């Protein structure tokens, strides 16, 4: 969208190009974040330099959670696609707030599924596991206030390396 003839010197052209690119990246940041997280869950790891979404996991332990809306076909028939997306993003935001946005990042997956990557400082103990269950009871309770559908939750095992995110996610979807 830059008119080279009217733009002036090379520096002015480059400045306008970089401003344009920066604007596009900012507009698409949420989409890039969702794609990056989805790739991690599916085992497609990107180098840190390719992490345009700027997602940082400060701790070395990870586990994944798969959440799905029960009676999804009925839900999909009741709400238009934009509204479905909006409701699923609200559910993810609720989860991130309850668990802690520094430790929890959510992504909207295919077929109505939502996924969470939870990053922990240490391997969960029995007490931590009970706390995690309590978080999901709270999430289910809060989402019940939004609409009449229940949510099923599957939790994968905790692993010490980011490379194990797909393994934990696969366990969560099976659960």
C-alpha atoms as a PDB file:
ATOM      1  CA  UNK A   1       0.000   0.000   0.000  1.00  0.00           C
ATOM      2  CA  UNK A   2       2.974   2.329  -0.312  1.00  0.00           C
ATOM      3  CA  UNK A   3       3.226   4.537  -3.383  1.00  0.00           C
ATOM      4  CA  UNK A   4       6.940   4.459  -4.171  1.00  0.00           C
ATOM      5  CA  UNK A   5       6.788   7.448  -6.520  1.00  0.00           C
ATOM      6  CA  UNK A   6       5.222   9.729  -3.889  1.00  0.00           C
ATOM      7  CA  UNK A   7       6.992   8.264  -0.817  1.00  0.00           C
ATOM      8  CA  UNK A   8      10.216  10.227  -1.114  1.00  0.00           C
ATOM      9  CA  UNK A   9      13.653   8.822  -0.378  1.00  0.00           C
ATOM     10  CA  UNK A  10      14.522   5.205   0.421  1.00  0.00           C
ATOM     11  CA  UNK A  11      14.461   5.776   4.198  1.00  0.00           C
ATOM     12  CA  UNK A  12      10.948   7.197   4.044  1.00  0.00           C
ATOM     13  CA  UNK A  13       9.805   4.167   2.028  1.00  0.00           C
ATOM     14  CA  UNK A  14      11.436   1.755   4.488  1.00  0.00           C
ATOM     15  CA  UNK A  15       9.963   3.614   7.484  1.00  0.00           C
ATOM     16  CA  UNK A  16       6.460   3.412   5.989  1.00  0.00           C
ATOM     17  CA  UNK A  17       6.960  -0.284   5.181  1.00  0.00           C
ATOM     18  CA  UNK A  18       8.078  -1.088   8.734  1.00  0.00           C
ATOM     19  CA  UNK A  19       5.180   0.891  10.213  1.00  0.00           C
ATOM     20  CA  UNK A  20       2.799  -1.021   7.973  1.00  0.00           C
ATOM     21  CA  UNK A  21       4.301  -4.398   8.959  1.00  0.00           C
ATOM     22  CA  UNK A  22       4.255  -3.486  12.668  1.00  0.00           C
ATOM     23  CA  UNK A  23       0.605  -2.506  12.394  1.00  0.00           C
ATOM     24  CA  UNK A  24      -0.288  -5.805  10.704  1.00  0.00           C
ATOM     25  CA  UNK A  25       1.626  -7.838  13.289  1.00  0.00           C
ATOM     26  CA  UNK A  26      -0.156  -6.038  16.125  1.00  0.00           C
ATOM     27  CA  UNK A  27      -3.567  -6.649  14.496  1.00  0.00           C
ATOM     28  CA  UNK A  28      -2.799 -10.337  14.033  1.00  0.00           C
ATOM     29  CA  UNK A  29      -1.078 -10.934  17.384  1.00  0.00           C
ATOM     30  CA  UNK A  30      -3.990 -12.933  18.874  1.00  0.00           C
ATOM     31  CA  UNK A  31      -4.175 -15.127  15.792  1.00  0.00           C
ATOM     32  CA  UNK A  32      -0.400 -15.695  15.857  1.00  0.00           C
ATOM     33  CA  UNK A  33      -0.569 -16.601  19.543  1.00  0.00           C
ATOM     34  CA  UNK A  34      -3.377 -19.088  18.903  1.00  0.00           C
ATOM     35  CA  UNK A  35      -1.435 -20.638  15.979  1.00  0.00           C
ATOM     36  CA  UNK A  36       1.754 -20.888  18.028  1.00  0.00           C
ATOM     37  CA  UNK A  37      -0.008 -22.572  20.963  1.00  0.00           C
ATOM     38  CA  UNK A  38      -1.920 -24.898  18.657  1.00  0.00           C
ATOM     39  CA  UNK A  39       1.385 -25.858  17.027  1.00  0.00           C
ATOM     40  CA  UNK A  40       2.962 -26.593  20.414  1.00  0.00           C
ATOM     41  CA  UNK A  41       0.042 -28.831  21.374  1.00  0.00           C
ATOM     42  CA  UNK A  42       0.329 -30.724  18.075  1.00  0.00           C
ATOM     43  CA  UNK A  43       4.097 -31.151  18.384  1.00  0.00           C
ATOM     44  CA  UNK A  44       5.186 -28.436  15.966  1.00  0.00           C
ATOM     45  CA  UNK A  45       7.883 -26.598  17.858  1.00  0.00           C
ATOM     46  CA  UNK A  46       9.089 -23.248  16.674  1.00  0.00           C
ATOM     47  CA  UNK A  47      12.411 -21.692  17.487  1.00  0.00           C
ATOM     48  CA  UNK A  48      12.402 -18.801  19.927  1.00  0.00           C
ATOM     49  CA  UNK A  49      13.294 -16.426  17.075  1.00  0.00           C
ATOM     50  CA  UNK A  50      10.104 -17.510  15.279  1.00  0.00           C
ATOM     51  CA  UNK A  51       7.943 -16.823  18.331  1.00  0.00           C
ATOM     52  CA  UNK A  52       6.264 -13.684  16.977  1.00  0.00           C
ATOM     53  CA  UNK A  53       3.435 -14.231  19.459  1.00  0.00           C
ATOM     54  CA  UNK A  54       5.954 -13.569  22.252  1.00  0.00           C
ATOM     55  CA  UNK A  55       4.733 -16.368  24.509  1.00  0.00           C
ATOM     56  CA  UNK A  56       7.142 -17.043  27.318  1.00  0.00           C
ATOM     57  CA  UNK A  57       6.946 -19.981  29.690  1.00  0.00           C
ATOM     58  CA  UNK A  58       9.030 -19.116  32.765  1.00  0.00           C
ATOM     59  CA  UNK A  59       8.984 -22.574  34.388  1.00  0.00           C
ATOM     60  CA  UNK A  60      10.163 -26.002  33.269  1.00  0.00           C
ATOM     61  CA  UNK A  61       7.105 -28.142  34.158  1.00  0.00           C
ATOM     62  CA  UNK A  62       4.048 -28.410  31.901  1.00  0.00           C
ATOM     63  CA  UNK A  63       0.736 -30.145  31.758  1.00  0.00           C
ATOM     64  CA  UNK A  64      -2.154 -29.749  29.382  1.00  0.00           C
ATOM     65  CA  UNK A  65      -5.898 -29.681  29.781  1.00  0.00           C
ATOM     66  CA  UNK A  66      -8.513 -30.425  27.129  1.00  0.00           C
ATOM     67  CA  UNK A  67     -11.916 -28.825  27.667  1.00  0.00           C
ATOM     68  CA  UNK A  68     -14.971 -29.435  25.553  1.00  0.00           C
ATOM     69  CA  UNK A  69     -18.515 -28.180  25.595  1.00  0.00           C
ATOM     70  CA  UNK A  70     -20.908 -31.061  26.189  1.00  0.00           C
ATOM     71  CA  UNK A  71     -23.636 -31.546  23.556  1.00  0.00           C
ATOM     72  CA  UNK A  72     -21.457 -29.592  21.156  1.00  0.00           C
ATOM     73  CA  UNK A  73     -23.660 -30.261  18.102  1.00  0.00           C
ATOM     74  CA  UNK A  74     -26.610 -28.690  19.922  1.00  0.00           C
ATOM     75  CA  UNK A  75     -24.393 -25.774  21.018  1.00  0.00           C
ATOM     76  CA  UNK A  76     -23.139 -25.274  17.433  1.00  0.00           C
ATOM     77  CA  UNK A  77     -26.713 -25.304  16.125  1.00  0.00           C
ATOM     78  CA  UNK A  78     -27.860 -22.765  18.669  1.00  0.00           C
ATOM     79  CA  UNK A  79     -25.116 -20.154  18.184  1.00  0.00           C
ATOM     80  CA  UNK A  80     -23.640 -18.656  15.027  1.00  0.00           C
ATOM     81  CA  UNK A  81     -19.912 -19.273  14.472  1.00  0.00           C
ATOM     82  CA  UNK A  82     -18.771 -15.847  15.720  1.00  0.00           C
ATOM     83  CA  UNK A  83     -20.799 -16.249  18.907  1.00  0.00           C
ATOM     84  CA  UNK A  84     -19.376 -19.763  19.451  1.00  0.00           C
ATOM     85  CA  UNK A  85     -15.851 -18.406  19.123  1.00  0.00           C
ATOM     86  CA  UNK A  86     -16.644 -15.541  21.494  1.00  0.00           C
ATOM     87  CA  UNK A  87     -18.108 -17.900  24.133  1.00  0.00           C
ATOM     88  CA  UNK A  88     -15.133 -20.273  23.901  1.00  0.00           C
ATOM     89  CA  UNK A  89     -12.726 -17.358  24.307  1.00  0.00           C
ATOM     90  CA  UNK A  90     -14.663 -16.255  27.401  1.00  0.00           C
ATOM     91  CA  UNK A  91     -14.283 -19.772  28.827  1.00  0.00           C
ATOM     92  CA  UNK A  92     -10.538 -19.655  28.159  1.00  0.00           C
ATOM     93  CA  UNK A  93     -10.297 -16.235  29.805  1.00  0.00           C
ATOM     94  CA  UNK A  94     -12.160 -17.521  32.854  1.00  0.00           C
ATOM     95  CA  UNK A  95      -9.717 -20.439  33.079  1.00  0.00           C
ATOM     96  CA  UNK A  96      -6.701 -18.166  32.729  1.00  0.00           C
ATOM     97  CA  UNK A  97      -8.019 -15.853  35.452  1.00  0.00           C
ATOM     98  CA  UNK A  98      -8.850 -18.649  37.900  1.00  0.00           C
ATOM     99  CA  UNK A  99      -5.592 -20.559  37.383  1.00  0.00           C
ATOM    100  CA  UNK A 100      -3.450 -17.466  36.935  1.00  0.00           C
ATOM    101  CA  UNK A 101      -2.599 -15.889  33.604  1.00  0.00           C
ATOM    102  CA  UNK A 102       1.140 -16.178  34.284  1.00  0.00           C
ATOM    103  CA  UNK A 103       0.845 -19.944  34.631  1.00  0.00           C
ATOM    104  CA  UNK A 104      -1.955 -20.720  32.185  1.00  0.00           C
ATOM    105  CA  UNK A 105      -2.389 -20.031  28.477  1.00  0.00           C
ATOM    106  CA  UNK A 106      -5.448 -21.140  26.512  1.00  0.00           C
ATOM    107  CA  UNK A 107      -6.161 -21.807  22.866  1.00  0.00           C
ATOM    108  CA  UNK A 108      -9.303 -22.521  20.869  1.00  0.00           C
ATOM    109  CA  UNK A 109      -8.829 -25.825  19.007  1.00  0.00           C
ATOM    110  CA  UNK A 110     -10.818 -27.585  16.280  1.00  0.00           C
ATOM    111  CA  UNK A 111     -14.196 -29.269  16.754  1.00  0.00           C
ATOM    112  CA  UNK A 112     -15.203 -27.127  19.694  1.00  0.00           C
ATOM    113  CA  UNK A 113     -12.329 -28.183  21.881  1.00  0.00           C
ATOM    114  CA  UNK A 114     -10.340 -25.763  23.980  1.00  0.00           C
ATOM    115  CA  UNK A 115      -6.903 -26.457  25.398  1.00  0.00           C
ATOM    116  CA  UNK A 116      -4.844 -25.046  28.226  1.00  0.00           C
ATOM    117  CA  UNK A 117      -1.100 -25.228  28.688  1.00  0.00           C
ATOM    118  CA  UNK A 118      -0.270 -24.861  32.354  1.00  0.00           C
ATOM    119  CA  UNK A 119       3.288 -24.014  33.318  1.00  0.00           C
ATOM    120  CA  UNK A 120       4.448 -24.852  36.850  1.00  0.00           C
ATOM    121  CA  UNK A 121       7.544 -24.161  38.879  1.00  0.00           C
ATOM    122  CA  UNK A 122       7.681 -27.699  40.304  1.00  0.00           C
ATOM    123  CA  UNK A 123       6.138 -31.126  39.806  1.00  0.00           C
ATOM    124  CA  UNK A 124       2.636 -31.130  41.345  1.00  0.00           C
ATOM    125  CA  UNK A 125       2.237 -32.781  44.745  1.00  0.00           C
ATOM    126  CA  UNK A 126      -0.981 -34.348  46.023  1.00  0.00           C
ATOM    127  CA  UNK A 127      -1.997 -30.992  47.477  1.00  0.00           C
ATOM    128  CA  UNK A 128      -1.314 -29.212  44.177  1.00  0.00           C
ATOM    129  CA  UNK A 129      -3.380 -31.802  42.301  1.00  0.00           C
ATOM    130  CA  UNK A 130      -6.344 -31.184  44.626  1.00  0.00           C
ATOM    131  CA  UNK A 131      -5.951 -27.443  44.065  1.00  0.00           C
ATOM    132  CA  UNK A 132      -5.946 -28.016  40.281  1.00  0.00           C
ATOM    133  CA  UNK A 133      -9.199 -30.011  40.540  1.00  0.00           C
ATOM    134  CA  UNK A 134     -10.699 -27.168  42.574  1.00  0.00           C
ATOM    135  CA  UNK A 135      -9.709 -24.712  39.846  1.00  0.00           C
ATOM    136  CA  UNK A 136     -11.629 -26.721  37.278  1.00  0.00           C
ATOM    137  CA  UNK A 137     -14.687 -27.035  39.489  1.00  0.00           C
ATOM    138  CA  UNK A 138     -14.621 -23.230  39.742  1.00  0.00           C
ATOM    139  CA  UNK A 139     -14.200 -22.915  35.964  1.00  0.00           C
ATOM    140  CA  UNK A 140     -17.180 -25.218  35.388  1.00  0.00           C
ATOM    141  CA  UNK A 141     -19.233 -23.265  37.917  1.00  0.00           C
ATOM    142  CA  UNK A 142     -18.370 -19.896  36.323  1.00  0.00           C
ATOM    143  CA  UNK A 143     -19.098 -21.080  32.783  1.00  0.00           C
ATOM    144  CA  UNK A 144     -22.478 -22.377  33.925  1.00  0.00           C
ATOM    145  CA  UNK A 145     -23.358 -18.719  34.564  1.00  0.00           C
ATOM    146  CA  UNK A 146     -22.711 -17.879  30.897  1.00  0.00           C
ATOM    147  CA  UNK A 147     -24.769 -20.567  29.172  1.00  0.00           C
ATOM    148  CA  UNK A 148     -26.702 -23.754  29.838  1.00  0.00           C
ATOM    149  CA  UNK A 149     -24.047 -26.179  28.614  1.00  0.00           C
ATOM    150  CA  UNK A 150     -21.654 -28.115  30.804  1.00  0.00           C
ATOM    151  CA  UNK A 151     -17.962 -28.496  30.149  1.00  0.00           C
ATOM    152  CA  UNK A 152     -15.942 -31.697  30.326  1.00  0.00           C
ATOM    153  CA  UNK A 153     -12.325 -31.464  31.375  1.00  0.00           C
ATOM    154  CA  UNK A 154      -9.465 -33.891  30.746  1.00  0.00           C
ATOM    155  CA  UNK A 155      -6.097 -33.385  32.413  1.00  0.00           C
ATOM    156  CA  UNK A 156      -2.799 -34.784  31.129  1.00  0.00           C
ATOM    157  CA  UNK A 157       0.232 -35.713  33.205  1.00  0.00           C
ATOM    158  CA  UNK A 158       2.846 -33.154  34.172  1.00  0.00           C
ATOM    159  CA  UNK A 159       6.218 -33.289  32.399  1.00  0.00           C
ATOM    160  CA  UNK A 160       9.501 -31.486  32.935  1.00  0.00           C
ATOM    161  CA  UNK A 161      10.151 -30.326  29.354  1.00  0.00           C
ATOM    162  CA  UNK A 162       8.264 -28.196  26.818  1.00  0.00           C
ATOM    163  CA  UNK A 163       8.816 -30.967  24.273  1.00  0.00           C
ATOM    164  CA  UNK A 164       6.357 -33.114  26.253  1.00  0.00           C
ATOM    165  CA  UNK A 165       3.435 -30.696  25.767  1.00  0.00           C
ATOM    166  CA  UNK A 166       1.966 -32.815  22.911  1.00  0.00           C
ATOM    167  CA  UNK A 167       2.182 -35.951  25.082  1.00  0.00           C
ATOM    168  CA  UNK A 168       0.328 -34.278  27.947  1.00  0.00           C
ATOM    169  CA  UNK A 169      -2.233 -32.857  25.521  1.00  0.00           C
ATOM    170  CA  UNK A 170      -2.851 -36.277  23.969  1.00  0.00           C
ATOM    171  CA  UNK A 171      -3.396 -37.696  27.472  1.00  0.00           C
ATOM    172  CA  UNK A 172      -5.790 -34.868  28.279  1.00  0.00           C
ATOM    173  CA  UNK A 173      -7.867 -35.462  25.129  1.00  0.00           C
ATOM    174  CA  UNK A 174      -8.068 -39.172  25.944  1.00  0.00           C
ATOM    175  CA  UNK A 175      -9.131 -38.413  29.508  1.00  0.00           C
END
